[in-house]
Amino acid sequence: MDDVIALRGMRLYGRHGANPGERDAEQPFDVDVELSLNLSRAAQSDDLGDTIDYAALHARIRDVVRAHSFALIERLAGAIADELLSDGRVARVRVRVAKPDLLDGATPSITLTRARYA
């Protein structure tokens, strides 16, 4: 499937980290997602109901980042992927989570790809 909806450059705030004190206060996390799904119906109908609403997608991702507290950004990315795959229209997701300026200005990031298996 070649159709993709992407949201890039989300700066979200949450309490995630493995080191002492990292979860005491909110920190920034940069999140990018790509969803693979069939967009042919929306391309013909021009109806928001035939696609995934970008604003609602953003809110779902933001809620995952804010509602949970994980030690690892790998786990955070997994929780985001699980949330996005809960929409039956989504066949595959790619989630990138970065923790900006953590290591003397370096930004660690991870990327997970998950697919729906029937």
N, C-alpha and C. Protein backbone atom coordinates (compact mmCIF):
# COMPACT_ATOMS: atom_id res chain seq x y z
N MET A 1 0.86 -1.17 0.00
CA MET A 1 0.00 0.00 0.00
C MET A 1 0.90 1.23 0.00
N ASP A 2 0.65 2.15 -0.91
CA ASP A 2 1.50 3.31 -1.06
C ASP A 2 0.91 4.60 -0.50
N ASP A 3 -0.33 4.58 -0.06
CA ASP A 3 -0.95 5.80 0.46
C ASP A 3 -0.50 6.05 1.89
N VAL A 4 -0.14 7.29 2.17
CA VAL A 4 0.41 7.63 3.48
C VAL A 4 -0.15 8.97 3.95
N ILE A 5 -0.52 9.02 5.21
CA ILE A 5 -0.79 10.27 5.91
C ILE A 5 0.36 10.46 6.89
N ALA A 6 0.96 11.63 6.88
CA ALA A 6 2.09 11.90 7.78
C ALA A 6 1.82 13.16 8.58
N LEU A 7 2.24 13.13 9.82
CA LEU A 7 2.30 14.32 10.68
C LEU A 7 3.74 14.41 11.16
N ARG A 8 4.38 15.50 10.84
CA ARG A 8 5.79 15.66 11.19
C ARG A 8 5.99 16.93 12.03
N GLY A 9 7.01 16.89 12.84
CA GLY A 9 7.40 18.09 13.58
C GLY A 9 6.55 18.41 14.78
N MET A 10 5.91 17.40 15.36
CA MET A 10 5.11 17.66 16.57
C MET A 10 6.05 17.81 17.76
N ARG A 11 5.96 18.90 18.45
CA ARG A 11 6.71 19.11 19.70
C ARG A 11 5.69 18.94 20.82
N LEU A 12 5.81 17.84 21.54
CA LEU A 12 4.87 17.49 22.60
C LEU A 12 5.61 17.38 23.92
N TYR A 13 4.90 17.54 25.01
CA TYR A 13 5.53 17.55 26.33
C TYR A 13 4.98 16.42 27.19
N GLY A 14 5.91 15.70 27.83
CA GLY A 14 5.52 14.60 28.68
C GLY A 14 6.60 14.29 29.70
N ARG A 15 6.35 13.28 30.50
CA ARG A 15 7.26 12.88 31.58
C ARG A 15 7.78 11.48 31.29
N HIS A 16 8.85 11.41 30.52
CA HIS A 16 9.44 10.14 30.12
C HIS A 16 10.94 10.22 30.32
N GLY A 17 11.53 9.13 30.80
CA GLY A 17 12.97 9.10 30.96
C GLY A 17 13.41 8.03 31.93
N ALA A 18 14.59 7.48 31.71
CA ALA A 18 15.12 6.40 32.54
C ALA A 18 16.01 6.89 33.66
N ASN A 19 16.52 8.09 33.56
CA ASN A 19 17.46 8.60 34.56
C ASN A 19 16.72 9.31 35.69
N PRO A 20 17.33 9.31 36.88
CA PRO A 20 16.69 9.98 38.02
C PRO A 20 16.32 11.43 37.70
N GLY A 21 15.11 11.78 38.06
CA GLY A 21 14.65 13.16 37.89
C GLY A 21 14.04 13.47 36.54
N GLU A 22 14.23 12.59 35.55
CA GLU A 22 13.72 12.91 34.21
C GLU A 22 12.20 12.98 34.14
N ARG A 23 11.54 12.28 35.04
CA ARG A 23 10.08 12.28 35.00
C ARG A 23 9.47 13.25 36.00
N ASP A 24 10.32 14.04 36.66
CA ASP A 24 9.82 15.00 37.65
C ASP A 24 9.10 16.18 37.01
N ALA A 25 9.51 16.56 35.82
CA ALA A 25 8.91 17.69 35.11
C ALA A 25 8.75 17.33 33.64
N GLU A 26 7.80 17.98 32.99
CA GLU A 26 7.59 17.73 31.57
C GLU A 26 8.82 18.15 30.77
N GLN A 27 9.10 17.37 29.75
CA GLN A 27 10.20 17.64 28.83
C GLN A 27 9.65 17.60 27.40
N PRO A 28 10.35 18.22 26.46
CA PRO A 28 9.90 18.16 25.07
C PRO A 28 10.27 16.84 24.41
N PHE A 29 9.37 16.38 23.55
CA PHE A 29 9.60 15.21 22.71
C PHE A 29 9.14 15.59 21.31
N ASP A 30 9.97 15.27 20.33
CA ASP A 30 9.61 15.52 18.94
C ASP A 30 9.10 14.22 18.34
N VAL A 31 7.92 14.28 17.75
CA VAL A 31 7.26 13.08 17.24
C VAL A 31 6.88 13.28 15.78
N ASP A 32 7.20 12.27 14.96
CA ASP A 32 6.76 12.21 13.57
C ASP A 32 6.05 10.87 13.39
N VAL A 33 4.95 10.88 12.64
CA VAL A 33 4.26 9.62 12.35
C VAL A 33 3.92 9.55 10.87
N GLU A 34 3.89 8.33 10.38
CA GLU A 34 3.38 8.03 9.04
C GLU A 34 2.41 6.86 9.17
N LEU A 35 1.24 7.01 8.58
CA LEU A 35 0.23 5.97 8.59
C LEU A 35 0.00 5.50 7.16
N SER A 36 0.08 4.20 6.94
CA SER A 36 -0.24 3.63 5.63
C SER A 36 -1.68 3.14 5.66
N LEU A 37 -2.45 3.60 4.71
CA LEU A 37 -3.85 3.22 4.61
C LEU A 37 -4.33 3.50 3.20
N ASN A 38 -5.48 3.01 2.88
CA ASN A 38 -6.05 3.21 1.55
C ASN A 38 -6.78 4.55 1.52
N LEU A 39 -6.27 5.48 0.73
CA LEU A 39 -6.87 6.81 0.62
C LEU A 39 -7.63 7.01 -0.69
N SER A 40 -7.85 5.94 -1.43
CA SER A 40 -8.51 6.09 -2.74
C SER A 40 -9.93 6.64 -2.60
N ARG A 41 -10.65 6.21 -1.60
CA ARG A 41 -12.03 6.71 -1.41
C ARG A 41 -12.03 8.21 -1.14
N ALA A 42 -11.16 8.67 -0.23
CA ALA A 42 -11.08 10.09 0.10
C ALA A 42 -10.63 10.91 -1.10
N ALA A 43 -9.74 10.34 -1.91
CA ALA A 43 -9.25 11.05 -3.10
C ALA A 43 -10.38 11.29 -4.11
N GLN A 44 -11.38 10.43 -4.09
CA GLN A 44 -12.53 10.58 -4.99
C GLN A 44 -13.66 11.40 -4.37
N SER A 45 -13.92 11.17 -3.08
CA SER A 45 -15.11 11.76 -2.45
C SER A 45 -14.91 13.19 -1.96
N ASP A 46 -13.67 13.55 -1.60
CA ASP A 46 -13.38 14.84 -0.99
C ASP A 46 -14.14 15.01 0.32
N ASP A 47 -14.34 13.89 1.04
CA ASP A 47 -15.11 13.86 2.28
C ASP A 47 -14.19 13.50 3.44
N LEU A 48 -14.15 14.34 4.47
CA LEU A 48 -13.29 14.11 5.63
C LEU A 48 -13.59 12.76 6.28
N GLY A 49 -14.81 12.30 6.19
CA GLY A 49 -15.19 11.01 6.77
C GLY A 49 -14.52 9.83 6.11
N ASP A 50 -13.94 10.03 4.94
CA ASP A 50 -13.28 8.95 4.21
C ASP A 50 -11.77 8.93 4.43
N THR A 51 -11.30 9.73 5.36
CA THR A 51 -9.87 9.76 5.68
C THR A 51 -9.71 9.88 7.18
N ILE A 52 -8.51 10.15 7.64
CA ILE A 52 -8.25 10.37 9.05
C ILE A 52 -8.03 11.86 9.26
N ASP A 53 -8.81 12.44 10.14
CA ASP A 53 -8.74 13.86 10.45
C ASP A 53 -7.40 14.17 11.11
N TYR A 54 -6.62 15.05 10.51
CA TYR A 54 -5.28 15.37 11.02
C TYR A 54 -5.32 15.94 12.43
N ALA A 55 -6.31 16.78 12.71
CA ALA A 55 -6.42 17.38 14.05
C ALA A 55 -6.72 16.31 15.09
N ALA A 56 -7.61 15.40 14.77
CA ALA A 56 -7.93 14.31 15.69
C ALA A 56 -6.72 13.39 15.87
N LEU A 57 -5.99 13.14 14.81
CA LEU A 57 -4.78 12.33 14.88
C LEU A 57 -3.75 12.97 15.81
N HIS A 58 -3.54 14.26 15.64
CA HIS A 58 -2.61 15.00 16.49
C HIS A 58 -3.03 14.91 17.96
N ALA A 59 -4.31 15.08 18.22
CA ALA A 59 -4.82 15.03 19.60
C ALA A 59 -4.60 13.65 20.22
N ARG A 60 -4.79 12.59 19.44
CA ARG A 60 -4.59 11.23 19.96
C ARG A 60 -3.13 11.01 20.34
N ILE A 61 -2.22 11.47 19.51
CA ILE A 61 -0.79 11.32 19.78
C ILE A 61 -0.40 12.14 21.01
N ARG A 62 -0.87 13.39 21.06
CA ARG A 62 -0.59 14.26 22.20
C ARG A 62 -1.09 13.63 23.50
N ASP A 63 -2.27 13.03 23.46
CA ASP A 63 -2.83 12.42 24.66
C ASP A 63 -1.99 11.25 25.15
N VAL A 64 -1.44 10.46 24.24
CA VAL A 64 -0.57 9.35 24.64
C VAL A 64 0.68 9.89 25.32
N VAL A 65 1.29 10.90 24.73
CA VAL A 65 2.52 11.47 25.30
C VAL A 65 2.26 12.05 26.69
N ARG A 66 1.13 12.70 26.87
CA ARG A 66 0.83 13.35 28.14
C ARG A 66 0.30 12.38 29.20
N ALA A 67 -0.45 11.37 28.80
CA ALA A 67 -1.17 10.53 29.76
C ALA A 67 -0.31 9.45 30.39
N HIS A 68 0.82 9.13 29.81
CA HIS A 68 1.66 8.04 30.30
C HIS A 68 3.02 8.57 30.73
N SER A 69 3.74 7.75 31.46
CA SER A 69 5.10 8.07 31.86
C SER A 69 5.93 6.80 31.72
N PHE A 70 6.80 6.77 30.72
CA PHE A 70 7.62 5.60 30.44
C PHE A 70 9.09 5.91 30.67
N ALA A 71 9.84 4.89 30.97
CA ALA A 71 11.29 5.05 31.12
C ALA A 71 11.96 5.25 29.76
N LEU A 72 11.49 4.54 28.75
CA LEU A 72 12.16 4.53 27.44
C LEU A 72 11.31 5.19 26.36
N ILE A 73 11.98 5.92 25.46
CA ILE A 73 11.25 6.48 24.32
C ILE A 73 10.82 5.36 23.37
N GLU A 74 11.47 4.21 23.42
CA GLU A 74 11.02 3.06 22.64
C GLU A 74 9.62 2.64 23.08
N ARG A 75 9.37 2.65 24.38
CA ARG A 75 8.05 2.29 24.90
C ARG A 75 7.01 3.35 24.55
N LEU A 76 7.41 4.61 24.61
CA LEU A 76 6.51 5.68 24.21
C LEU A 76 6.12 5.53 22.75
N ALA A 77 7.09 5.29 21.89
CA ALA A 77 6.80 5.09 20.47
C ALA A 77 5.89 3.89 20.25
N GLY A 78 6.09 2.83 21.02
CA GLY A 78 5.23 1.65 20.93
C GLY A 78 3.80 1.95 21.33
N ALA A 79 3.63 2.75 22.37
CA ALA A 79 2.28 3.12 22.81
C ALA A 79 1.58 3.98 21.76
N ILE A 80 2.33 4.87 21.13
CA ILE A 80 1.76 5.68 20.05
C ILE A 80 1.36 4.78 18.88
N ALA A 81 2.24 3.85 18.51
CA ALA A 81 1.94 2.93 17.41
C ALA A 81 0.69 2.11 17.71
N ASP A 82 0.58 1.60 18.94
CA ASP A 82 -0.60 0.81 19.32
C ASP A 82 -1.87 1.64 19.20
N GLU A 83 -1.82 2.88 19.64
CA GLU A 83 -2.98 3.77 19.56
C GLU A 83 -3.39 3.99 18.11
N LEU A 84 -2.42 4.24 17.24
CA LEU A 84 -2.73 4.52 15.84
C LEU A 84 -3.24 3.28 15.11
N LEU A 85 -2.72 2.11 15.46
CA LEU A 85 -3.18 0.87 14.84
C LEU A 85 -4.56 0.45 15.34
N SER A 86 -5.05 1.09 16.40
CA SER A 86 -6.39 0.76 16.88
C SER A 86 -7.47 1.23 15.90
N ASP A 87 -7.09 2.10 14.97
CA ASP A 87 -8.00 2.51 13.89
C ASP A 87 -7.89 1.45 12.80
N GLY A 88 -8.96 0.73 12.56
CA GLY A 88 -8.96 -0.39 11.62
C GLY A 88 -8.59 -0.04 10.19
N ARG A 89 -8.62 1.23 9.84
CA ARG A 89 -8.25 1.64 8.48
C ARG A 89 -6.74 1.68 8.28
N VAL A 90 -5.99 1.71 9.37
CA VAL A 90 -4.54 1.87 9.30
C VAL A 90 -3.90 0.49 9.19
N ALA A 91 -3.10 0.30 8.14
CA ALA A 91 -2.43 -0.98 7.92
C ALA A 91 -1.03 -1.03 8.54
N ARG A 92 -0.36 0.12 8.55
CA ARG A 92 1.02 0.17 9.04
C ARG A 92 1.31 1.56 9.57
N VAL A 93 2.14 1.63 10.60
CA VAL A 93 2.55 2.93 11.13
C VAL A 93 4.07 2.96 11.28
N ARG A 94 4.61 4.15 11.14
CA ARG A 94 6.01 4.41 11.46
C ARG A 94 5.99 5.59 12.43
N VAL A 95 6.63 5.39 13.57
CA VAL A 95 6.65 6.40 14.62
C VAL A 95 8.10 6.72 14.96
N ARG A 96 8.42 8.00 14.91
CA ARG A 96 9.75 8.46 15.32
C ARG A 96 9.56 9.35 16.55
N VAL A 97 10.31 9.06 17.60
CA VAL A 97 10.30 9.87 18.81
C VAL A 97 11.73 10.31 19.09
N ALA A 98 11.92 11.59 19.30
CA ALA A 98 13.23 12.14 19.63
C ALA A 98 13.14 12.92 20.92
N LYS A 99 14.24 12.91 21.66
CA LYS A 99 14.34 13.66 22.91
C LYS A 99 15.40 14.73 22.69
N PRO A 100 14.96 15.93 22.29
CA PRO A 100 15.91 16.95 21.83
C PRO A 100 16.87 17.44 22.91
N ASP A 101 18.09 17.70 22.46
CA ASP A 101 19.13 18.35 23.28
C ASP A 101 19.39 17.64 24.60
N LEU A 102 19.31 16.33 24.60
CA LEU A 102 19.49 15.58 25.83
C LEU A 102 20.97 15.41 26.18
N LEU A 103 21.79 15.13 25.20
CA LEU A 103 23.19 14.75 25.45
C LEU A 103 24.13 15.82 24.91
N ASP A 104 24.36 16.86 25.71
CA ASP A 104 25.24 17.96 25.28
C ASP A 104 24.86 18.47 23.90
N GLY A 105 23.58 18.62 23.67
CA GLY A 105 23.09 19.13 22.39
C GLY A 105 22.71 18.05 21.40
N ALA A 106 23.13 16.81 21.62
CA ALA A 106 22.75 15.72 20.71
C ALA A 106 21.32 15.30 20.99
N THR A 107 20.64 14.85 19.95
CA THR A 107 19.24 14.46 20.06
C THR A 107 19.09 12.97 19.74
N PRO A 108 18.91 12.14 20.77
CA PRO A 108 18.65 10.73 20.50
C PRO A 108 17.24 10.55 19.95
N SER A 109 17.09 9.60 19.04
CA SER A 109 15.76 9.31 18.51
C SER A 109 15.67 7.83 18.17
N ILE A 110 14.46 7.35 18.12
CA ILE A 110 14.21 5.97 17.69
C ILE A 110 13.04 6.01 16.69
N THR A 111 13.01 5.02 15.84
CA THR A 111 11.92 4.87 14.88
C THR A 111 11.42 3.44 14.94
N LEU A 112 10.11 3.29 15.13
CA LEU A 112 9.47 1.97 15.13
C LEU A 112 8.52 1.88 13.95
N THR A 113 8.46 0.73 13.35
CA THR A 113 7.47 0.44 12.32
C THR A 113 6.67 -0.77 12.77
N ARG A 114 5.37 -0.61 12.77
CA ARG A 114 4.49 -1.69 13.18
C ARG A 114 3.37 -1.84 12.13
N ALA A 115 2.93 -3.08 11.94
CA ALA A 115 1.88 -3.35 10.96
C ALA A 115 0.77 -4.17 11.60
N ARG A 116 -0.40 -4.02 11.03
CA ARG A 116 -1.55 -4.81 11.46
C ARG A 116 -1.43 -6.19 10.81
N TYR A 117 -1.54 -7.20 11.62
CA TYR A 117 -1.47 -8.57 11.09
C TYR A 117 -2.83 -9.21 11.24
N ALA A 118 -3.36 -9.68 10.13
CA ALA A 118 -4.70 -10.29 10.14
C ALA A 118 -4.62 -11.75 10.45
